[in-house]
Amino acid sequence: MLPASVAMWLLALRGVRLDRMGDLGLLQVLPVLFWVALALLTLGFCVAAGDRRTPHGCFAAYALVLIAVLHATPPLLYQELRYSWAWKHVAVIDAMMRHNGEVPNASGFNIYNQWPGFFQFNALILKATGLESPLGYALWAQLLTNLLLLGPLLVIYRSITHDRRLIWGAVWIYYSCSWVGQDYFAPQAFTFLLFVSVIALVVRQLPSSRFPGPRTSRRRWPVGRLLLVLVIEAAIVSSHQLTPLMLISALLLLSLPRRYRRLALPALAGAVVFTLAWNGTVAWPYVSANLDNFVNALTRPEANVWSGLSRLAEAAPSQVMVSWIDRGLSGGVFLLAAIALAVRPWTRRTPLPLLALFPLPLVVVNAYGGEMVFRAFMFALPAAALLLAALLLRSHRARPARMAIVPVLLLAMLGSLVFGYYSKESMNRFSAEEVAATRYLTTETPTRSLIISVTFAAPGLEMHYDRHERTQITEESLSTKRLLVQDPLAGLEPLLNRAGDEPAYILLSRAQSADVRLNGELPADFVRRLESALAKAPSFTPVYRNGDAVVYRFDPPIERNH
């Protein structure tokens, strides 16, 4: 089944019509053969998991193919880097390379000066390899991140059980449920990989964590391994705001049981000291500026929990459906994990309950821009995946009914994942034409020009950010957006006035139109209506146009002196 599924997958990628994407992204354009390949791969894995004699190598092959199918499909189909945030991170690295490690005149980029680890690491890669830009490998970041993540996941699972089927079943379930999509070229993906690595090193060190079978209790850390943990913790603290807090929460819970305390406390102490030192020095400008917000969030736990679950009113119907599928998958994972803890007593004698519950305190104390609930699911998933494997793939002989249920559940997990992972590709994917339009804006327009975009869904608008001013219509006040909807030209006036005597340019593109349609921040036809108004107005001149984007220059009327 494995070679057949690989052949079907590769054949399915031929002739995919990306221009036919609609409100469900890649789900609408991938052929039936792709879905047959994914189903066959899942069934083959279930057959392998049903046989105690299946070797690690066979399981590993299935896991690697699953990762490839899920995470290599977009870069194989696309010419350009996906996700506007990934493009922004490329721009930050470019700025640091041009300015010897700083992001000067940063404005909205200032936060990257305070957590620069990820960007400095990539700058070192560029200097070491002689590459001019990370764009070439950033395109494959999701595939690479998930492949690297397999190592620490295996360390965690093999530290808890010898059963090959549970180990690789947990790996399969993890990749089948990891829908949050924070694995692209970003500090969060980088620090999450490091976070799982620290947890793997700590769990590997804990006494009696492997089950079944006895294990020699380790009472102290080997110096080299503890130093490695501290180095990784320092990299996490210097690269991201949230991940150090997740790490502290996880290590704090692991230090509560007496049998783990001696080994968990050194790692916890390192994480706490590094975080306090960093936030009190390098990141203090951000921390002090947002201190009131942090305190206010502590007094609103219910708002923090619901902030990420209630933002569906304005979204397109397709995205509302996708959001509920994602929520159903997340809820189902936690429900099955709870059942596993109840019916598999041995799991309660492992670190798994602590590693599944540690993100919950952070969900209560901060909303993290409405994303905390989903980040919590992401951080809890490695432990939850092994709990699900323990529930579904018992080590003794399974009944026929269970053997029929497992493939159905695994297929349901994968089916839910692809909705969350592929359904927004019409706004996350950028064509070569869109990249060319933004490159024209950032390299060919005069210095200090004002660049106006409708949404953030534009590739590389932050490149050479220090040469231009930028504004985004969806970030404007509600009154300004209402005026833009009523009269696009009148609504643009206050934005254009910010340019003063400098030129102003407006970028309209396919991805921005899809962004508006999917997220509902403006009427679905707003981009079309705005372009129609600009085309008819004598003060706006199209200076660049291709099949997916157009750039208008604002030419203010010349006032006559009397």
Protein backbone atom coordinates (compact mmCIF):
# COMPACT_ATOMS: atom_id res chain seq x y z
CA MET A 1 0.00 0.00 0.00
CA LEU A 2 2.87 2.38 0.75
CA PRO A 3 4.45 2.55 -2.74
CA ALA A 4 1.00 2.64 -4.33
CA SER A 5 -0.05 5.62 -2.22
CA VAL A 6 3.20 7.47 -3.04
CA ALA A 7 2.70 6.87 -6.76
CA MET A 8 -0.91 8.05 -6.60
CA TRP A 9 0.08 11.18 -4.67
CA LEU A 10 2.75 12.19 -7.17
CA LEU A 11 0.46 11.51 -10.12
CA ALA A 12 -2.30 13.55 -8.47
CA LEU A 13 -0.07 16.66 -8.38
CA ARG A 14 0.19 16.78 -12.16
CA GLY A 15 -2.04 19.35 -13.78
CA VAL A 16 -3.57 20.85 -10.61
CA ARG A 17 -5.36 24.06 -11.64
CA LEU A 18 -4.48 26.51 -8.89
CA ASP A 19 -6.39 29.31 -10.61
CA ARG A 20 -9.63 27.45 -9.87
CA MET A 21 -9.30 27.78 -6.12
CA GLY A 22 -12.38 29.07 -4.35
CA ASP A 23 -13.40 29.57 -0.75
CA LEU A 24 -12.05 26.15 0.25
CA GLY A 25 -8.61 26.58 -1.26
CA LEU A 26 -6.71 23.47 -2.27
CA LEU A 27 -9.59 21.23 -1.24
CA GLN A 28 -11.41 22.31 -4.40
CA VAL A 29 -8.59 21.69 -6.87
CA LEU A 30 -6.79 18.58 -5.63
CA PRO A 31 -8.02 15.62 -7.71
CA VAL A 32 -9.76 12.52 -6.36
CA LEU A 33 -6.53 10.56 -6.80
CA PHE A 34 -4.90 12.68 -4.06
CA TRP A 35 -7.60 11.77 -1.56
CA VAL A 36 -7.45 8.10 -2.59
CA ALA A 37 -3.69 8.15 -1.95
CA LEU A 38 -4.19 9.66 1.51
CA ALA A 39 -6.88 7.10 2.39
CA LEU A 40 -4.76 4.21 1.10
CA LEU A 41 -1.80 5.47 3.11
CA THR A 42 -3.94 5.54 6.26
CA LEU A 43 -5.30 2.05 5.68
CA GLY A 44 -1.79 0.74 5.06
CA PHE A 45 -0.64 2.23 8.34
CA CYS A 46 -3.57 0.61 10.16
CA VAL A 47 -2.62 -2.77 8.67
CA ALA A 48 0.98 -2.25 9.83
CA ALA A 49 -0.19 -1.21 13.31
CA GLY A 50 -2.30 -4.35 13.59
CA ASP A 51 0.76 -6.59 13.37
CA ARG A 52 3.13 -6.83 16.35
CA ARG A 53 5.94 -7.89 14.03
CA THR A 54 5.94 -4.66 12.01
CA PRO A 55 9.46 -3.21 12.35
CA HIS A 56 10.32 0.39 13.20
CA GLY A 57 11.55 0.95 9.65
CA CYS A 58 8.15 0.21 8.13
CA PHE A 59 6.40 2.54 10.56
CA ALA A 60 9.00 5.23 9.89
CA ALA A 61 8.40 4.96 6.15
CA TYR A 62 4.66 5.50 6.65
CA ALA A 63 5.28 8.49 8.92
CA LEU A 64 7.72 10.09 6.48
CA VAL A 65 5.33 9.66 3.57
CA LEU A 66 2.49 11.16 5.62
CA ILE A 67 4.65 14.20 6.41
CA ALA A 68 5.60 14.51 2.75
CA VAL A 69 2.02 14.28 1.49
CA LEU A 70 0.75 16.88 3.96
CA HIS A 71 3.65 19.33 3.91
CA ALA A 72 5.40 18.89 0.56
CA THR A 73 2.24 19.22 -1.52
CA PRO A 74 1.99 23.07 -1.34
CA PRO A 75 5.65 23.80 -2.16
CA LEU A 76 5.56 21.27 -5.00
CA LEU A 77 2.53 23.04 -6.44
CA TYR A 78 3.46 26.65 -5.76
CA GLN A 79 6.14 28.80 -7.35
CA GLU A 80 6.40 31.19 -4.44
CA LEU A 81 6.53 31.21 -0.65
CA ARG A 82 3.10 30.96 0.96
CA TYR A 83 1.84 33.00 3.94
CA SER A 84 2.26 36.77 4.14
CA TRP A 85 3.78 36.42 7.63
CA ALA A 86 6.55 34.23 6.21
CA TRP A 87 7.33 36.99 3.70
CA LYS A 88 7.46 39.51 6.55
CA HIS A 89 9.96 37.35 8.40
CA VAL A 90 12.11 37.18 5.28
CA ALA A 91 12.01 41.00 5.20
CA VAL A 92 13.15 41.20 8.83
CA ILE A 93 16.12 38.93 8.10
CA ASP A 94 16.96 41.05 5.05
CA ALA A 95 16.87 44.19 7.20
CA MET A 96 19.14 42.62 9.82
CA MET A 97 21.59 41.55 7.12
CA ARG A 98 21.65 45.06 5.66
CA HIS A 99 22.03 46.77 9.04
CA ASN A 100 24.41 44.41 10.87
CA GLY A 101 21.89 42.79 13.17
CA GLU A 102 19.54 45.67 13.90
CA VAL A 103 16.15 46.57 12.46
CA PRO A 104 16.45 50.39 12.45
CA ASN A 105 13.49 52.76 12.36
CA ALA A 106 11.48 49.65 13.02
CA SER A 107 8.08 51.03 14.03
CA GLY A 108 5.93 47.87 13.91
CA PHE A 109 9.11 45.81 13.48
CA ASN A 110 10.54 46.86 16.84
CA ILE A 111 9.38 43.65 18.51
CA TYR A 112 11.82 41.72 16.31
CA ASN A 113 14.70 43.69 17.79
CA GLN A 114 13.60 42.47 21.21
CA TRP A 115 13.24 38.79 20.26
CA PRO A 116 15.80 38.47 17.42
CA GLY A 117 17.01 34.89 17.95
CA PHE A 118 15.21 33.26 15.02
CA PHE A 119 16.18 36.04 12.64
CA GLN A 120 19.81 36.18 13.74
CA PHE A 121 20.04 32.40 13.38
CA ASN A 122 18.86 32.64 9.77
CA ALA A 123 21.22 35.55 9.13
CA LEU A 124 24.06 33.29 10.27
CA ILE A 125 22.86 30.57 7.88
CA LEU A 126 22.89 33.06 5.01
CA LYS A 127 26.38 34.29 5.87
CA ALA A 128 27.69 30.74 6.23
CA THR A 129 26.19 29.52 2.95
CA GLY A 130 26.60 32.66 0.87
CA LEU A 131 22.89 32.77 0.05
CA GLU A 132 21.40 36.21 -0.52
CA SER A 133 17.94 35.42 0.88
CA PRO A 134 16.17 32.70 2.87
CA LEU A 135 13.38 32.55 0.27
CA GLY A 136 14.79 29.41 -1.31
CA TYR A 137 14.64 27.27 1.82
CA ALA A 138 11.77 29.14 3.51
CA LEU A 139 9.51 27.66 0.82
CA TRP A 140 10.23 24.23 2.32
CA ALA A 141 10.18 25.33 5.97
CA GLN A 142 7.00 23.45 6.87
CA LEU A 143 8.29 20.17 5.49
CA LEU A 144 11.68 20.64 7.16
CA THR A 145 10.17 21.68 10.51
CA ASN A 146 7.90 18.65 10.65
CA LEU A 147 10.68 16.28 9.64
CA LEU A 148 12.94 17.66 12.38
CA LEU A 149 10.11 17.46 14.89
CA LEU A 150 9.92 13.71 14.38
CA GLY A 151 13.19 13.23 16.32
CA PRO A 152 12.15 14.75 19.68
CA LEU A 153 8.68 13.25 19.39
CA LEU A 154 10.22 9.79 19.11
CA VAL A 155 12.45 10.49 22.11
CA ILE A 156 9.40 11.42 24.21
CA TYR A 157 7.35 8.42 23.12
CA ARG A 158 10.18 5.90 23.43
CA SER A 159 10.92 7.22 26.92
CA ILE A 160 7.39 6.26 27.96
CA THR A 161 6.69 2.98 26.14
CA HIS A 162 8.51 0.18 24.33
CA ASP A 163 5.48 -0.71 22.19
CA ARG A 164 6.29 0.12 18.57
CA ARG A 165 2.63 0.43 17.66
CA LEU A 166 1.99 2.99 20.40
CA ILE A 167 5.12 4.96 19.53
CA TRP A 168 4.37 5.23 15.83
CA GLY A 169 0.64 5.44 16.36
CA ALA A 170 1.27 8.55 18.47
CA VAL A 171 3.48 9.96 15.70
CA TRP A 172 0.75 9.32 13.12
CA ILE A 173 -1.94 10.87 15.31
CA TYR A 174 0.20 13.91 16.04
CA TYR A 175 0.72 14.71 12.36
CA SER A 176 -2.92 13.89 11.58
CA CYS A 177 -4.23 16.39 14.15
CA SER A 178 -1.71 19.23 13.97
CA TRP A 179 -4.04 21.63 12.17
CA VAL A 180 -3.02 24.93 13.82
CA GLY A 181 -0.58 25.72 11.00
CA GLN A 182 2.15 27.39 13.06
CA ASP A 183 4.88 25.41 11.33
CA TYR A 184 5.71 27.88 8.55
CA PHE A 185 8.84 30.06 8.39
CA ALA A 186 8.40 31.85 11.70
CA PRO A 187 9.80 32.17 15.24
CA GLN A 188 6.88 30.10 16.60
CA ALA A 189 7.77 27.09 14.47
CA PHE A 190 11.44 27.43 15.40
CA THR A 191 10.80 27.73 19.13
CA PHE A 192 8.13 25.01 19.16
CA LEU A 193 10.70 22.60 17.72
CA LEU A 194 13.13 23.68 20.43
CA PHE A 195 10.41 23.41 23.10
CA VAL A 196 9.62 19.80 22.15
CA SER A 197 13.36 19.09 22.16
CA VAL A 198 13.70 20.37 25.74
CA ILE A 199 10.69 18.34 26.86
CA ALA A 200 12.16 15.28 25.15
CA LEU A 201 15.47 15.70 26.98
CA VAL A 202 13.70 16.19 30.31
CA VAL A 203 11.29 13.27 29.86
CA ARG A 204 14.17 11.04 28.76
CA GLN A 205 15.90 11.90 32.01
CA LEU A 206 12.93 11.32 34.33
CA PRO A 207 12.95 8.16 36.46
CA SER A 208 10.50 5.37 35.69
CA SER A 209 8.98 7.22 32.76
CA ARG A 210 9.36 4.28 30.41
CA PHE A 211 6.48 1.79 30.61
CA PRO A 212 6.29 -1.16 30.70
CA GLY A 213 9.51 -2.52 32.09
CA PRO A 214 11.93 -1.39 34.78
CA ARG A 215 14.31 1.46 34.25
CA THR A 216 17.28 2.60 36.24
CA SER A 217 16.45 5.78 38.10
CA ARG A 218 18.63 8.75 37.19
CA ARG A 219 19.17 11.04 40.17
CA ARG A 220 21.17 13.76 38.46
CA TRP A 221 21.72 15.33 35.07
CA PRO A 222 24.80 14.53 32.99
CA VAL A 223 26.59 17.88 32.72
CA GLY A 224 26.67 17.89 28.94
CA ARG A 225 22.97 17.11 28.61
CA LEU A 226 21.98 19.80 31.12
CA LEU A 227 24.13 22.34 29.30
CA LEU A 228 22.36 21.40 26.07
CA VAL A 229 18.99 22.00 27.74
CA LEU A 230 20.13 25.42 28.98
CA VAL A 231 21.45 26.42 25.54
CA ILE A 232 18.16 25.46 23.90
CA GLU A 233 16.23 27.36 26.58
CA ALA A 234 18.33 30.46 25.91
CA ALA A 235 17.54 30.18 22.19
CA ILE A 236 13.82 29.89 22.96
CA VAL A 237 13.81 32.90 25.31
CA SER A 238 15.61 35.10 22.77
CA SER A 239 13.31 34.16 19.90
CA HIS A 240 9.67 34.26 21.03
CA GLN A 241 7.38 35.79 23.65
CA LEU A 242 4.96 32.92 24.29
CA THR A 243 7.06 29.77 24.09
CA PRO A 244 9.19 30.51 27.20
CA LEU A 245 5.99 30.84 29.23
CA MET A 246 4.73 27.53 27.86
CA LEU A 247 8.06 25.94 28.74
CA ILE A 248 7.98 27.31 32.29
CA SER A 249 4.41 26.07 32.74
CA ALA A 250 5.33 22.58 31.47
CA LEU A 251 8.44 22.29 33.64
CA LEU A 252 6.60 23.67 36.66
CA LEU A 253 3.97 20.93 36.43
CA LEU A 254 6.65 18.29 35.87
CA SER A 255 8.40 19.44 39.04
CA LEU A 256 5.31 18.93 41.21
CA PRO A 257 5.52 15.11 41.62
CA ARG A 258 8.30 14.25 44.05
CA ARG A 259 9.72 11.56 41.77
CA TYR A 260 10.35 14.10 39.00
CA ARG A 261 11.27 17.15 41.07
CA ARG A 262 15.02 16.68 41.38
CA LEU A 263 15.43 16.44 37.59
CA ALA A 264 12.79 18.92 36.48
CA LEU A 265 13.86 21.76 38.78
CA PRO A 266 17.25 22.53 37.12
CA ALA A 267 15.59 22.89 33.73
CA LEU A 268 12.79 24.95 35.28
CA ALA A 269 15.26 27.23 37.07
CA GLY A 270 17.14 27.85 33.83
CA ALA A 271 13.95 28.71 31.93
CA VAL A 272 12.77 31.09 34.67
CA VAL A 273 16.12 32.87 35.04
CA PHE A 274 16.59 33.29 31.29
CA THR A 275 13.03 34.56 30.79
CA LEU A 276 13.19 37.07 33.66
CA ALA A 277 16.60 38.30 32.57
CA TRP A 278 15.60 38.71 28.94
CA ASN A 279 12.23 40.32 29.61
CA GLY A 280 13.81 42.66 32.14
CA THR A 281 16.52 43.87 29.77
CA VAL A 282 16.34 43.32 26.01
CA ALA A 283 12.54 42.93 25.82
CA TRP A 284 11.73 45.47 28.54
CA PRO A 285 10.45 48.16 26.10
CA TYR A 286 7.73 45.79 24.88
CA VAL A 287 6.99 44.35 28.32
CA SER A 288 6.69 47.77 29.98
CA ALA A 289 4.55 49.17 27.18
CA ASN A 290 2.10 46.26 27.45
CA LEU A 291 2.16 45.74 31.21
CA ASP A 292 -1.30 47.21 31.68
CA ASN A 293 -2.71 44.87 29.04
CA PHE A 294 -1.15 41.87 30.78
CA VAL A 295 -2.65 42.90 34.13
CA ASN A 296 -6.08 43.55 32.60
CA ALA A 297 -6.03 40.12 30.94
CA LEU A 298 -5.54 38.48 34.33
CA THR A 299 -8.86 39.91 35.49
CA ARG A 300 -10.79 38.59 32.47
CA PRO A 301 -10.22 34.82 32.31
CA GLU A 302 -13.55 34.10 30.60
CA ALA A 303 -12.79 36.65 27.86
CA ASN A 304 -9.36 35.10 27.32
CA VAL A 305 -10.87 31.66 26.83
CA TRP A 306 -13.64 32.76 24.48
CA SER A 307 -11.67 35.30 22.46
CA GLY A 308 -10.42 32.65 20.07
CA LEU A 309 -13.69 30.73 19.89
CA SER A 310 -16.20 33.44 19.08
CA ARG A 311 -14.75 35.32 16.09
CA LEU A 312 -16.83 33.72 13.36
CA ALA A 313 -19.60 36.27 12.80
CA GLU A 314 -17.97 38.05 9.85
CA ALA A 315 -16.26 35.11 8.15
CA ALA A 316 -17.45 33.48 4.93
CA PRO A 317 -19.78 30.48 5.42
CA SER A 318 -17.07 28.13 4.20
CA GLN A 319 -14.66 29.42 6.85
CA VAL A 320 -17.29 29.16 9.58
CA MET A 321 -17.68 25.50 8.63
CA VAL A 322 -13.89 25.00 8.64
CA SER A 323 -13.59 26.68 12.04
CA TRP A 324 -16.15 24.34 13.54
CA ILE A 325 -14.37 21.34 12.01
CA ASP A 326 -11.11 22.55 13.62
CA ARG A 327 -12.83 23.04 16.95
CA GLY A 328 -14.43 19.61 16.66
CA LEU A 329 -11.05 18.00 15.99
CA SER A 330 -9.47 19.80 18.96
CA GLY A 331 -12.34 18.91 21.27
CA GLY A 332 -12.33 15.31 20.07
CA VAL A 333 -8.61 14.98 20.76
CA PHE A 334 -8.97 16.27 24.32
CA LEU A 335 -12.05 14.08 24.92
CA LEU A 336 -10.29 10.93 23.74
CA ALA A 337 -7.20 11.88 25.77
CA ALA A 338 -9.37 12.18 28.90
CA ILE A 339 -10.93 8.79 28.19
CA ALA A 340 -7.46 7.30 27.74
CA LEU A 341 -6.41 8.59 31.15
CA ALA A 342 -9.53 7.04 32.65
CA VAL A 343 -9.34 3.59 31.04
CA ARG A 344 -5.54 3.16 30.70
CA PRO A 345 -4.26 3.39 34.30
CA TRP A 346 -0.61 3.11 33.27
CA THR A 347 -0.78 6.45 31.46
CA ARG A 348 -1.48 8.19 34.78
CA ARG A 349 1.90 6.99 36.08
CA THR A 350 3.73 8.78 33.27
CA PRO A 351 4.37 12.50 32.57
CA LEU A 352 1.60 12.47 29.94
CA PRO A 353 -1.21 13.98 32.08
CA LEU A 354 1.05 16.87 33.11
CA LEU A 355 2.25 17.45 29.54
CA ALA A 356 -1.32 17.51 28.26
CA LEU A 357 -2.61 19.93 30.90
CA PHE A 358 0.21 22.47 31.28
CA PRO A 359 -1.05 24.98 28.64
CA LEU A 360 -4.42 25.44 30.37
CA PRO A 361 -3.27 28.05 32.93
CA LEU A 362 -2.00 30.28 30.14
CA VAL A 363 -5.34 30.03 28.32
CA VAL A 364 -6.99 31.57 31.38
CA VAL A 365 -4.50 34.39 31.98
CA ASN A 366 -4.02 35.79 28.46
CA ALA A 367 -5.80 35.75 25.10
CA TYR A 368 -2.63 36.22 22.98
CA GLY A 369 -4.58 38.08 20.32
CA GLY A 370 -7.36 35.49 20.34
CA GLU A 371 -4.97 32.64 19.51
CA MET A 372 -4.11 31.28 22.96
CA VAL A 373 -6.67 28.46 22.85
CA PHE A 374 -5.24 27.20 19.56
CA ARG A 375 -1.62 27.58 20.69
CA ALA A 376 -2.53 25.64 23.82
CA PHE A 377 -3.85 22.79 21.67
CA MET A 378 -0.63 22.84 19.64
CA PHE A 379 1.59 22.59 22.73
CA ALA A 380 -0.56 19.89 24.36
CA LEU A 381 -0.83 17.75 21.21
CA PRO A 382 2.45 15.78 21.51
CA ALA A 383 1.33 14.29 24.84
CA ALA A 384 -2.32 13.97 23.81
CA ALA A 385 -1.28 12.01 20.70
CA LEU A 386 0.34 9.27 22.80
CA LEU A 387 -2.72 9.12 25.04
CA LEU A 388 -4.91 8.60 21.96
CA ALA A 389 -2.56 5.91 20.68
CA ALA A 390 -2.77 4.16 24.07
CA LEU A 391 -6.55 4.25 23.83
CA LEU A 392 -6.89 3.12 20.21
CA LEU A 393 -3.90 0.80 19.76
CA ARG A 394 -3.84 -1.47 22.78
CA SER A 395 -0.85 -3.77 23.14
CA HIS A 396 -2.92 -6.95 23.50
CA ARG A 397 -5.05 -8.47 20.77
CA ALA A 398 -7.75 -6.09 19.55
CA ARG A 399 -11.32 -7.07 18.83
CA PRO A 400 -12.65 -6.85 15.25
CA ALA A 401 -14.93 -3.95 16.19
CA ARG A 402 -11.95 -1.93 17.42
CA MET A 403 -9.98 -2.82 14.31
CA ALA A 404 -12.79 -1.31 12.22
CA ILE A 405 -13.12 1.83 14.36
CA VAL A 406 -9.43 2.78 14.31
CA PRO A 407 -9.17 3.38 10.52
CA VAL A 408 -12.38 5.40 10.61
CA LEU A 409 -11.07 7.62 13.41
CA LEU A 410 -7.68 8.10 11.77
CA LEU A 411 -9.32 9.01 8.46
CA ALA A 412 -11.63 11.43 10.28
CA MET A 413 -8.60 13.08 11.90
CA LEU A 414 -6.82 13.48 8.58
CA GLY A 415 -10.00 14.71 6.92
CA SER A 416 -10.43 17.36 9.61
CA LEU A 417 -6.77 18.35 9.37
CA VAL A 418 -6.84 19.11 5.66
CA PHE A 419 -9.82 21.43 6.13
CA GLY A 420 -7.87 23.50 8.62
CA TYR A 421 -4.62 23.24 6.70
CA TYR A 422 -5.62 23.78 3.06
CA SER A 423 -8.89 25.73 3.13
CA LYS A 424 -7.36 29.24 3.15
CA GLU A 425 -4.89 28.70 0.35
CA SER A 426 -6.63 31.16 -1.94
CA MET A 427 -5.31 33.93 0.34
CA ASN A 428 -2.16 32.18 1.61
CA ARG A 429 -0.81 31.32 -1.86
CA PHE A 430 0.87 34.01 -3.93
CA SER A 431 1.44 33.84 -7.66
CA ALA A 432 4.59 34.99 -9.43
CA GLU A 433 2.55 37.93 -10.76
CA GLU A 434 1.68 39.09 -7.24
CA VAL A 435 5.30 38.80 -6.17
CA ALA A 436 6.35 40.84 -9.21
CA ALA A 437 3.85 43.58 -8.35
CA THR A 438 5.05 43.94 -4.78
CA ARG A 439 8.67 43.83 -5.93
CA TYR A 440 7.88 46.71 -8.26
CA LEU A 441 6.38 48.67 -5.34
CA THR A 442 9.28 48.08 -2.98
CA THR A 443 12.12 48.62 -5.47
CA GLU A 444 10.92 50.92 -8.26
CA THR A 445 8.87 53.54 -6.42
CA PRO A 446 10.49 56.67 -4.94
CA THR A 447 11.88 56.60 -1.42
CA ARG A 448 9.43 57.68 1.31
CA SER A 449 6.44 56.79 -0.86
CA LEU A 450 3.24 55.72 0.90
CA ILE A 451 2.08 52.21 -0.01
CA ILE A 452 -1.56 51.37 0.65
CA SER A 453 -2.85 47.80 0.60
CA VAL A 454 -6.29 46.47 1.42
CA THR A 455 -5.13 43.60 3.66
CA PHE A 456 -1.91 42.00 4.85
CA ALA A 457 -2.17 39.28 2.16
CA ALA A 458 0.57 40.59 -0.12
CA PRO A 459 3.99 38.94 -0.56
CA GLY A 460 6.98 41.01 0.46
CA LEU A 461 5.50 44.46 1.03
CA GLU A 462 7.79 44.80 4.06
CA MET A 463 10.94 44.36 1.99
CA HIS A 464 12.96 47.59 2.20
CA TYR A 465 10.41 48.77 4.75
CA ASP A 466 12.79 51.57 5.75
CA ARG A 467 12.33 53.18 2.32
CA HIS A 468 8.54 53.48 2.47
CA GLU A 469 5.57 54.18 4.66
CA ARG A 470 2.82 51.55 4.73
CA THR A 471 -0.83 51.51 5.67
CA GLN A 472 -3.45 48.80 5.49
CA ILE A 473 -7.15 49.45 5.00
CA THR A 474 -8.33 46.61 7.25
CA GLU A 475 -6.30 48.13 10.10
CA GLU A 476 -8.11 51.47 9.86
CA SER A 477 -10.81 52.63 12.25
CA LEU A 478 -14.37 51.41 11.87
CA SER A 479 -15.54 54.86 10.72
CA THR A 480 -12.87 54.98 7.99
CA LYS A 481 -13.78 51.51 6.77
CA ARG A 482 -17.46 52.43 6.68
CA LEU A 483 -16.64 55.50 4.58
CA LEU A 484 -14.51 53.37 2.25
CA VAL A 485 -17.38 50.95 1.77
CA GLN A 486 -19.84 53.76 1.05
CA ASP A 487 -17.51 55.79 -1.19
CA PRO A 488 -14.09 54.24 -1.90
CA LEU A 489 -12.53 57.46 -3.22
CA ALA A 490 -13.77 59.60 -0.33
CA GLY A 491 -12.64 56.96 2.13
CA LEU A 492 -9.12 56.97 0.65
CA GLU A 493 -8.64 60.70 1.22
CA PRO A 494 -7.55 60.53 4.88
CA LEU A 495 -5.13 57.73 4.01
CA LEU A 496 -3.67 59.62 1.06
CA ASN A 497 -3.25 62.75 3.17
CA ARG A 498 -0.70 60.87 5.27
CA ALA A 499 1.66 60.89 2.30
CA GLY A 500 1.99 64.67 2.49
CA ASP A 501 4.10 65.76 -0.47
CA GLU A 502 5.37 62.23 -1.14
CA PRO A 503 3.94 59.86 -3.79
CA ALA A 504 1.23 57.38 -2.82
CA TYR A 505 0.58 53.98 -4.38
CA ILE A 506 -2.30 51.52 -3.96
CA LEU A 507 -1.86 47.76 -4.44
CA LEU A 508 -4.82 45.56 -5.33
CA SER A 509 -4.34 41.82 -5.85
CA ARG A 510 -6.03 38.45 -6.11
CA ALA A 511 -4.89 37.26 -2.65
CA GLN A 512 -6.16 40.43 -0.98
CA SER A 513 -9.53 39.97 -2.63
CA ALA A 514 -9.63 36.39 -1.34
CA ASP A 515 -8.63 37.58 2.13
CA VAL A 516 -11.52 40.06 2.21
CA ARG A 517 -13.95 37.42 0.98
CA LEU A 518 -12.86 34.74 3.46
CA ASN A 519 -12.44 36.82 6.62
CA GLY A 520 -15.30 39.25 6.10
CA GLU A 521 -13.60 42.38 7.45
CA LEU A 522 -14.97 44.24 4.43
CA PRO A 523 -17.73 43.38 1.94
CA ALA A 524 -16.75 40.52 -0.35
CA ASP A 525 -16.80 42.74 -3.46
CA PHE A 526 -14.85 45.61 -1.90
CA VAL A 527 -11.62 45.10 -3.86
CA ARG A 528 -13.52 44.93 -7.14
CA ARG A 529 -15.49 48.10 -6.30
CA LEU A 530 -12.33 49.92 -5.23
CA GLU A 531 -10.53 49.00 -8.43
CA SER A 532 -13.50 50.14 -10.50
CA ALA A 533 -13.50 53.49 -8.70
CA LEU A 534 -9.75 53.97 -9.12
CA ALA A 535 -9.92 53.10 -12.82
CA LYS A 536 -12.49 55.85 -13.39
CA ALA A 537 -10.81 58.54 -11.26
CA PRO A 538 -8.47 60.92 -13.14
CA SER A 539 -6.20 61.28 -10.11
CA PHE A 540 -5.20 57.60 -10.14
CA THR A 541 -2.93 56.15 -12.80
CA PRO A 542 -2.23 52.42 -13.23
CA VAL A 543 1.56 52.13 -13.31
CA TYR A 544 1.86 48.36 -13.09
CA ARG A 545 -0.57 45.65 -14.05
CA ASN A 546 -0.56 41.91 -14.62
CA GLY A 547 -3.06 39.10 -14.39
CA ASP A 548 -3.19 38.98 -10.57
CA ALA A 549 -2.31 42.49 -9.38
CA VAL A 550 -2.48 46.16 -10.24
CA VAL A 551 -0.67 49.18 -8.80
CA TYR A 552 -2.21 52.66 -8.95
CA ARG A 553 -0.30 55.88 -8.37
CA PHE A 554 -2.11 58.84 -6.84
CA ASP A 555 -1.51 62.03 -8.78
CA PRO A 556 -3.07 64.91 -6.78
CA PRO A 557 -4.66 67.67 -8.84
CA ILE A 558 -2.36 70.63 -9.37
CA GLU A 559 -3.67 73.71 -7.61
CA ARG A 560 -3.46 76.90 -9.66
CA ASN A 561 -2.14 80.06 -8.02
CA HIS A 562 -4.29 83.15 -8.62
